[in-house]
């Protein structure tokens, strides 16, 4: 009985590893495809435009964080 339980738990571990490998493979594939699409879109724009856009997003995020912190600690 103990051997059967050990064998079943080993099989479950192997199948879980296979599922984890599949999920990791799908994530890696998605990341590669998304990165290629993002790089293709980024090449359409000037680097200065991208920098200004990211700086604007950073300022927007900083102002949101500042508003959140001031509203939490009144």
PDB file of N, CA and C in Angstrom:
ATOM      1  N   UNK A   1       0.824  -1.198   0.000  1.00  0.00           N
ATOM      2  CA  UNK A   1       0.000   0.000   0.000  1.00  0.00           C
ATOM      3  C   UNK A   1       0.866   1.260   0.000  1.00  0.00           C
ATOM      4  N   UNK A   2       1.932   1.261   0.802  1.00  0.00           N
ATOM      5  CA  UNK A   2       2.810   2.422   0.848  1.00  0.00           C
ATOM      6  C   UNK A   2       3.496   2.661  -0.484  1.00  0.00           C
ATOM      7  N   UNK A   3       3.879   1.561  -1.173  1.00  0.00           N
ATOM      8  CA  UNK A   3       4.539   1.704  -2.472  1.00  0.00           C
ATOM      9  C   UNK A   3       3.593   2.339  -3.480  1.00  0.00           C
ATOM     10  N   UNK A   4       2.309   1.933  -3.450  1.00  0.00           N
ATOM     11  CA  UNK A   4       1.323   2.468  -4.386  1.00  0.00           C
ATOM     12  C   UNK A   4       1.131   3.965  -4.163  1.00  0.00           C
ATOM     13  N   UNK A   5       1.019   4.370  -2.896  1.00  0.00           N
ATOM     14  CA  UNK A   5       0.849   5.801  -2.604  1.00  0.00           C
ATOM     15  C   UNK A   5       2.063   6.596  -3.060  1.00  0.00           C
ATOM     16  N   UNK A   6       3.260   6.031  -2.808  1.00  0.00           N
ATOM     17  CA  UNK A   6       4.474   6.725  -3.219  1.00  0.00           C
ATOM     18  C   UNK A   6       4.541   6.831  -4.738  1.00  0.00           C
ATOM     19  N   UNK A   7       4.158   5.740  -5.427  1.00  0.00           N
ATOM     20  CA  UNK A   7       4.186   5.732  -6.889  1.00  0.00           C
ATOM     21  C   UNK A   7       3.181   6.745  -7.446  1.00  0.00           C
ATOM     22  N   UNK A   8       1.986   6.808  -6.870  1.00  0.00           N
ATOM     23  CA  UNK A   8       0.970   7.755  -7.330  1.00  0.00           C
ATOM     24  C   UNK A   8       1.441   9.183  -7.092  1.00  0.00           C
ATOM     25  N   UNK A   9       2.046   9.443  -5.927  1.00  0.00           N
ATOM     26  CA  UNK A   9       2.507  10.808  -5.654  1.00  0.00           C
ATOM     27  C   UNK A   9       3.648  11.186  -6.592  1.00  0.00           C
ATOM     28  N   UNK A  10       4.512  10.227  -6.949  1.00  0.00           N
ATOM     29  CA  UNK A  10       5.570  10.513  -7.916  1.00  0.00           C
ATOM     30  C   UNK A  10       4.974  10.822  -9.284  1.00  0.00           C
ATOM     31  N   UNK A  11       3.946  10.065  -9.678  1.00  0.00           N
ATOM     32  CA  UNK A  11       3.301  10.320 -10.963  1.00  0.00           C
ATOM     33  C   UNK A  11       2.627  11.685 -10.979  1.00  0.00           C
ATOM     34  N   UNK A  12       1.983  12.043  -9.870  1.00  0.00           N
ATOM     35  CA  UNK A  12       1.349  13.360  -9.796  1.00  0.00           C
ATOM     36  C   UNK A  12       2.390  14.464  -9.898  1.00  0.00           C
ATOM     37  N   UNK A  13       3.534  14.262  -9.264  1.00  0.00           N
ATOM     38  CA  UNK A  13       4.599  15.256  -9.352  1.00  0.00           C
ATOM     39  C   UNK A  13       5.100  15.409 -10.773  1.00  0.00           C
ATOM     40  N   UNK A  14       5.236  14.283 -11.476  1.00  0.00           N
ATOM     41  CA  UNK A  14       5.704  14.340 -12.864  1.00  0.00           C
ATOM     42  C   UNK A  14       4.684  15.041 -13.750  1.00  0.00           C
ATOM     43  N   UNK A  15       3.401  14.747 -13.530  1.00  0.00           N
ATOM     44  CA  UNK A  15       2.382  15.387 -14.363  1.00  0.00           C
ATOM     45  C   UNK A  15       2.283  16.878 -14.051  1.00  0.00           C
ATOM     46  N   UNK A  16       2.470  17.238 -12.787  1.00  0.00           N
ATOM     47  CA  UNK A  16       2.458  18.661 -12.436  1.00  0.00           C
ATOM     48  C   UNK A  16       3.645  19.383 -13.056  1.00  0.00           C
ATOM     49  N   UNK A  17       4.789  18.697 -13.124  1.00  0.00           N
ATOM     50  CA  UNK A  17       5.949  19.303 -13.779  1.00  0.00           C
ATOM     51  C   UNK A  17       5.689  19.509 -15.264  1.00  0.00           C
ATOM     52  N   UNK A  18       5.001  18.553 -15.891  1.00  0.00           N
ATOM     53  CA  UNK A  18       4.680  18.697 -17.314  1.00  0.00           C
ATOM     54  C   UNK A  18       3.748  19.882 -17.533  1.00  0.00           C
ATOM     55  N   UNK A  19       2.761  20.020 -16.656  1.00  0.00           N
ATOM     56  CA  UNK A  19       1.825  21.146 -16.767  1.00  0.00           C
ATOM     57  C   UNK A  19       2.570  22.465 -16.561  1.00  0.00           C
ATOM     58  N   UNK A  20       3.473  22.489 -15.571  1.00  0.00           N
ATOM     59  CA  UNK A  20       4.243  23.709 -15.314  1.00  0.00           C
ATOM     60  C   UNK A  20       5.129  24.054 -16.511  1.00  0.00           C
ATOM     61  N   UNK A  21       5.719  23.038 -17.143  1.00  0.00           N
ATOM     62  CA  UNK A  21       6.550  23.292 -18.319  1.00  0.00           C
ATOM     63  C   UNK A  21       5.717  23.827 -19.478  1.00  0.00           C
ATOM     64  N   UNK A  22       4.517  23.292 -19.645  1.00  0.00           N
ATOM     65  CA  UNK A  22       3.635  23.794 -20.714  1.00  0.00           C
ATOM     66  C   UNK A  22       3.253  25.244 -20.468  1.00  0.00           C
ATOM     67  N   UNK A  23       2.888  25.540 -19.219  1.00  0.00           N
ATOM     68  CA  UNK A  23       2.497  26.913 -18.887  1.00  0.00           C
ATOM     69  C   UNK A  23       3.672  27.858 -19.100  1.00  0.00           C
ATOM     70  N   UNK A  24       4.863  27.445 -18.646  1.00  0.00           N
ATOM     71  CA  UNK A  24       6.048  28.287 -18.828  1.00  0.00           C
ATOM     72  C   UNK A  24       6.358  28.474 -20.309  1.00  0.00           C
ATOM     73  N   UNK A  25       6.172  27.426 -21.103  1.00  0.00           N
ATOM     74  CA  UNK A  25       6.402  27.536 -22.541  1.00  0.00           C
ATOM     75  C   UNK A  25       5.433  28.497 -23.199  1.00  0.00           C
ATOM     76  N   UNK A  26       4.163  28.432 -22.793  1.00  0.00           N
ATOM     77  CA  UNK A  26       3.157  29.352 -23.348  1.00  0.00           C
ATOM     78  C   UNK A  26       3.479  30.793 -22.964  1.00  0.00           C
ATOM     79  N   UNK A  27       3.880  31.001 -21.700  1.00  0.00           N
ATOM     80  CA  UNK A  27       4.217  32.354 -21.250  1.00  0.00           C
ATOM     81  C   UNK A  27       5.422  32.879 -22.013  1.00  0.00           C
ATOM     82  N   UNK A  28       6.435  32.034 -22.202  1.00  0.00           N
ATOM     83  CA  UNK A  28       7.626  32.455 -22.940  1.00  0.00           C
ATOM     84  C   UNK A  28       7.285  32.782 -24.390  1.00  0.00           C
ATOM     85  N   UNK A  29       6.431  31.966 -25.001  1.00  0.00           N
ATOM     86  CA  UNK A  29       6.008  32.225 -26.381  1.00  0.00           C
ATOM     87  C   UNK A  29       5.233  33.535 -26.462  1.00  0.00           C
ATOM     88  N   UNK A  30       4.308  33.747 -25.539  1.00  0.00           N
ATOM     89  CA  UNK A  30       3.525  34.985 -25.521  1.00  0.00           C
ATOM     90  C   UNK A  30       4.440  36.188 -25.336  1.00  0.00           C
ATOM     91  N   UNK A  31       5.418  36.045 -24.430  1.00  0.00           N
ATOM     92  CA  UNK A  31       6.333  37.154 -24.161  1.00  0.00           C
ATOM     93  C   UNK A  31       7.168  37.483 -25.397  1.00  0.00           C
ATOM     94  N   UNK A  32       7.616  36.459 -26.103  1.00  0.00           N
ATOM     95  CA  UNK A  32       8.423  36.676 -27.308  1.00  0.00           C
ATOM     96  C   UNK A  32       7.610  37.369 -28.392  1.00  0.00           C
ATOM     97  N   UNK A  33       6.386  36.900 -28.611  1.00  0.00           N
ATOM     98  CA  UNK A  33       5.525  37.495 -29.639  1.00  0.00           C
ATOM     99  C   UNK A  33       5.176  38.933 -29.272  1.00  0.00           C
ATOM    100  N   UNK A  34       4.814  39.151 -28.016  1.00  0.00           N
ATOM    101  CA  UNK A  34       4.444  40.492 -27.571  1.00  0.00           C
ATOM    102  C   UNK A  34       5.631  41.447 -27.666  1.00  0.00           C
ATOM    103  N   UNK A  35       6.818  40.959 -27.306  1.00  0.00           N
ATOM    104  CA  UNK A  35       8.014  41.794 -27.390  1.00  0.00           C
ATOM    105  C   UNK A  35       8.316  42.177 -28.833  1.00  0.00           C
ATOM    106  N   UNK A  36       8.152  41.237 -29.757  1.00  0.00           N
ATOM    107  CA  UNK A  36       8.394  41.539 -31.173  1.00  0.00           C
ATOM    108  C   UNK A  36       7.397  42.579 -31.682  1.00  0.00           C
ATOM    109  N   UNK A  37       6.129  42.436 -31.289  1.00  0.00           N
ATOM    110  CA  UNK A  37       5.118  43.412 -31.713  1.00  0.00           C
ATOM    111  C   UNK A  37       5.405  44.786 -31.119  1.00  0.00           C
ATOM    112  N   UNK A  38       5.808  44.801 -29.854  1.00  0.00           N
ATOM    113  CA  UNK A  38       6.099  46.068 -29.195  1.00  0.00           C
ATOM    114  C   UNK A  38       7.311  46.748 -29.820  1.00  0.00           C
ATOM    115  N   UNK A  39       8.333  45.969 -30.156  1.00  0.00           N
ATOM    116  CA  UNK A  39       9.512  46.543 -30.812  1.00  0.00           C
ATOM    117  C   UNK A  39       9.161  47.096 -32.188  1.00  0.00           C
ATOM    118  N   UNK A  40       8.281  46.404 -32.910  1.00  0.00           N
ATOM    119  CA  UNK A  40       7.872  46.893 -34.229  1.00  0.00           C
ATOM    120  C   UNK A  40       7.118  48.213 -34.108  1.00  0.00           C
ATOM    121  N   UNK A  41       6.268  48.327 -33.088  1.00  0.00           N
ATOM    122  CA  UNK A  41       5.537  49.580 -32.887  1.00  0.00           C
ATOM    123  C   UNK A  41       6.467  50.693 -32.419  1.00  0.00           C
ATOM    124  N   UNK A  42       7.452  50.338 -31.586  1.00  0.00           N
ATOM    125  CA  UNK A  42       8.360  51.354 -31.055  1.00  0.00           C
ATOM    126  C   UNK A  42       9.240  51.938 -32.148  1.00  0.00           C
ATOM    127  N   UNK A  43       9.534  51.163 -33.174  1.00  0.00           N
ATOM    128  CA  UNK A  43      10.379  51.668 -34.258  1.00  0.00           C
ATOM    129  C   UNK A  43       9.667  52.717 -35.100  1.00  0.00           C
ATOM    130  N   UNK A  44       8.339  52.765 -35.004  1.00  0.00           N
ATOM    131  CA  UNK A  44       7.578  53.749 -35.773  1.00  0.00           C
ATOM    132  C   UNK A  44       7.729  55.154 -35.201  1.00  0.00           C
ATOM    133  N   UNK A  45       8.042  55.244 -33.903  1.00  0.00           N
ATOM    134  CA  UNK A  45       8.071  56.538 -33.239  1.00  0.00           C
ATOM    135  C   UNK A  45       9.506  56.972 -32.966  1.00  0.00           C
ATOM    136  N   UNK A  46       9.682  58.269 -32.844  1.00  0.00           N
ATOM    137  CA  UNK A  46      10.968  58.855 -32.521  1.00  0.00           C
ATOM    138  C   UNK A  46      11.307  58.552 -31.058  1.00  0.00           C
ATOM    139  N   UNK A  47      12.579  58.382 -30.748  1.00  0.00           N
ATOM    140  CA  UNK A  47      12.977  58.074 -29.376  1.00  0.00           C
ATOM    141  C   UNK A  47      12.638  59.214 -28.425  1.00  0.00           C
ATOM    142  N   UNK A  48      12.734  60.441 -28.899  1.00  0.00           N
ATOM    143  CA  UNK A  48      12.412  61.582 -28.049  1.00  0.00           C
ATOM    144  C   UNK A  48      10.922  61.584 -27.703  1.00  0.00           C
ATOM    145  N   UNK A  49      10.085  61.215 -28.652  1.00  0.00           N
ATOM    146  CA  UNK A  49       8.646  61.143 -28.401  1.00  0.00           C
ATOM    147  C   UNK A  49       8.335  60.082 -27.354  1.00  0.00           C
ATOM    148  N   UNK A  50       8.982  58.938 -27.472  1.00  0.00           N
ATOM    149  CA  UNK A  50       8.767  57.863 -26.499  1.00  0.00           C
ATOM    150  C   UNK A  50       9.232  58.307 -25.115  1.00  0.00           C
ATOM    151  N   UNK A  51      10.379  58.981 -25.056  1.00  0.00           N
ATOM    152  CA  UNK A  51      10.904  59.465 -23.782  1.00  0.00           C
ATOM    153  C   UNK A  51       9.953  60.467 -23.139  1.00  0.00           C
ATOM    154  N   UNK A  52       9.430  61.397 -23.924  1.00  0.00           N
ATOM    155  CA  UNK A  52       8.480  62.377 -23.390  1.00  0.00           C
ATOM    156  C   UNK A  52       7.193  61.707 -22.918  1.00  0.00           C
ATOM    157  N   UNK A  53       6.723  60.730 -23.664  1.00  0.00           N
ATOM    158  CA  UNK A  53       5.514  60.002 -23.277  1.00  0.00           C
ATOM    159  C   UNK A  53       5.727  59.254 -21.961  1.00  0.00           C
ATOM    160  N   UNK A  54       6.872  58.570 -21.828  1.00  0.00           N
ATOM    161  CA  UNK A  54       7.158  57.831 -20.598  1.00  0.00           C
ATOM    162  C   UNK A  54       7.349  58.782 -19.418  1.00  0.00           C
ATOM    163  N   UNK A  55       7.958  59.936 -19.659  1.00  0.00           N
ATOM    164  CA  UNK A  55       8.111  60.929 -18.596  1.00  0.00           C
ATOM    165  C   UNK A  55       6.744  61.443 -18.155  1.00  0.00           C
ATOM    166  N   UNK A  56       5.850  61.663 -19.107  1.00  0.00           N
ATOM    167  CA  UNK A  56       4.491  62.088 -18.776  1.00  0.00           C
ATOM    168  C   UNK A  56       3.757  61.043 -17.959  1.00  0.00           C
ATOM    169  N   UNK A  57       3.905  59.783 -18.350  1.00  0.00           N
ATOM    170  CA  UNK A  57       3.282  58.713 -17.567  1.00  0.00           C
ATOM    171  C   UNK A  57       3.876  58.635 -16.165  1.00  0.00           C
ATOM    172  N   UNK A  58       5.177  58.851 -16.052  1.00  0.00           N
ATOM    173  CA  UNK A  58       5.824  58.844 -14.741  1.00  0.00           C
ATOM    174  C   UNK A  58       5.311  59.961 -13.854  1.00  0.00           C
ATOM    175  N   UNK A  59       5.158  61.150 -14.420  1.00  0.00           N
ATOM    176  CA  UNK A  59       4.618  62.272 -13.644  1.00  0.00           C
ATOM    177  C   UNK A  59       3.172  62.025 -13.232  1.00  0.00           C
ATOM    178  N   UNK A  60       2.398  61.444 -14.122  1.00  0.00           N
ATOM    179  CA  UNK A  60       1.013  61.111 -13.796  1.00  0.00           C
ATOM    180  C   UNK A  60       0.948  60.099 -12.660  1.00  0.00           C
ATOM    181  N   UNK A  61       1.796  59.080 -12.724  1.00  0.00           N
ATOM    182  CA  UNK A  61       1.832  58.068 -11.671  1.00  0.00           C
ATOM    183  C   UNK A  61       2.308  58.672 -10.351  1.00  0.00           C
ATOM    184  N   UNK A  62       3.310  59.543 -10.404  1.00  0.00           N
ATOM    185  CA  UNK A  62       3.815  60.187  -9.188  1.00  0.00           C
ATOM    186  C   UNK A  62       2.748  61.063  -8.551  1.00  0.00           C
ATOM    187  N   UNK A  63       1.994  61.781  -9.368  1.00  0.00           N
ATOM    188  CA  UNK A  63       0.933  62.626  -8.806  1.00  0.00           C
ATOM    189  C   UNK A  63      -0.170  61.778  -8.197  1.00  0.00           C
ATOM    190  N   UNK A  64      -0.472  60.636  -8.804  1.00  0.00           N
ATOM    191  CA  UNK A  64      -1.470  59.733  -8.224  1.00  0.00           C
ATOM    192  C   UNK A  64      -0.979  59.189  -6.885  1.00  0.00           C
ATOM    193  N   UNK A  65       0.294  58.790  -6.817  1.00  0.00           N
ATOM    194  CA  UNK A  65       0.845  58.282  -5.559  1.00  0.00           C
ATOM    195  C   UNK A  65       0.825  59.358  -4.483  1.00  0.00           C
ATOM    196  N   UNK A  66       1.161  60.574  -4.857  1.00  0.00           N
ATOM    197  CA  UNK A  66       1.137  61.681  -3.903  1.00  0.00           C
ATOM    198  C   UNK A  66      -0.279  61.926  -3.406  1.00  0.00           C
ATOM    199  N   UNK A  67      -1.250  61.921  -4.303  1.00  0.00           N
ATOM    200  CA  UNK A  67      -2.645  62.099  -3.901  1.00  0.00           C
ATOM    201  C   UNK A  67      -3.092  60.968  -2.989  1.00  0.00           C
ATOM    202  N   UNK A  68      -2.697  59.738  -3.310  1.00  0.00           N
ATOM    203  CA  UNK A  68      -3.085  58.581  -2.507  1.00  0.00           C
ATOM    204  C   UNK A  68      -2.490  58.672  -1.109  1.00  0.00           C
ATOM    205  N   UNK A  69      -1.221  59.029  -1.012  1.00  0.00           N
ATOM    206  CA  UNK A  69      -0.571  59.118   0.297  1.00  0.00           C
ATOM    207  C   UNK A  69      -1.164  60.245   1.135  1.00  0.00           C
ATOM    208  N   UNK A  70      -1.473  61.377   0.512  1.00  0.00           N
ATOM    209  CA  UNK A  70      -2.039  62.485   1.289  1.00  0.00           C
ATOM    210  C   UNK A  70      -3.463  62.175   1.729  1.00  0.00           C
ATOM    211  N   UNK A  71      -4.213  61.433   0.925  1.00  0.00           N
ATOM    212  CA  UNK A  71      -5.583  61.123   1.319  1.00  0.00           C
ATOM    213  C   UNK A  71      -5.624  60.015   2.370  1.00  0.00           C
ATOM    214  N   UNK A  72      -4.617  59.151   2.400  1.00  0.00           N
ATOM    215  CA  UNK A  72      -4.609  58.076   3.393  1.00  0.00           C
ATOM    216  C   UNK A  72      -4.194  58.561   4.774  1.00  0.00           C
ATOM    217  N   UNK A  73      -3.306  59.534   4.837  1.00  0.00           N
ATOM    218  CA  UNK A  73      -2.747  59.958   6.115  1.00  0.00           C
ATOM    219  C   UNK A  73      -3.224  61.343   6.519  1.00  0.00           C
ATOM    220  N   UNK A  74      -4.502  61.594   6.429  1.00  0.00           N
ATOM    221  CA  UNK A  74      -5.055  62.877   6.882  1.00  0.00           C
ATOM    222  C   UNK A  74      -5.353  62.830   8.348  1.00  0.00           C
TER     223      UNK A  74
END
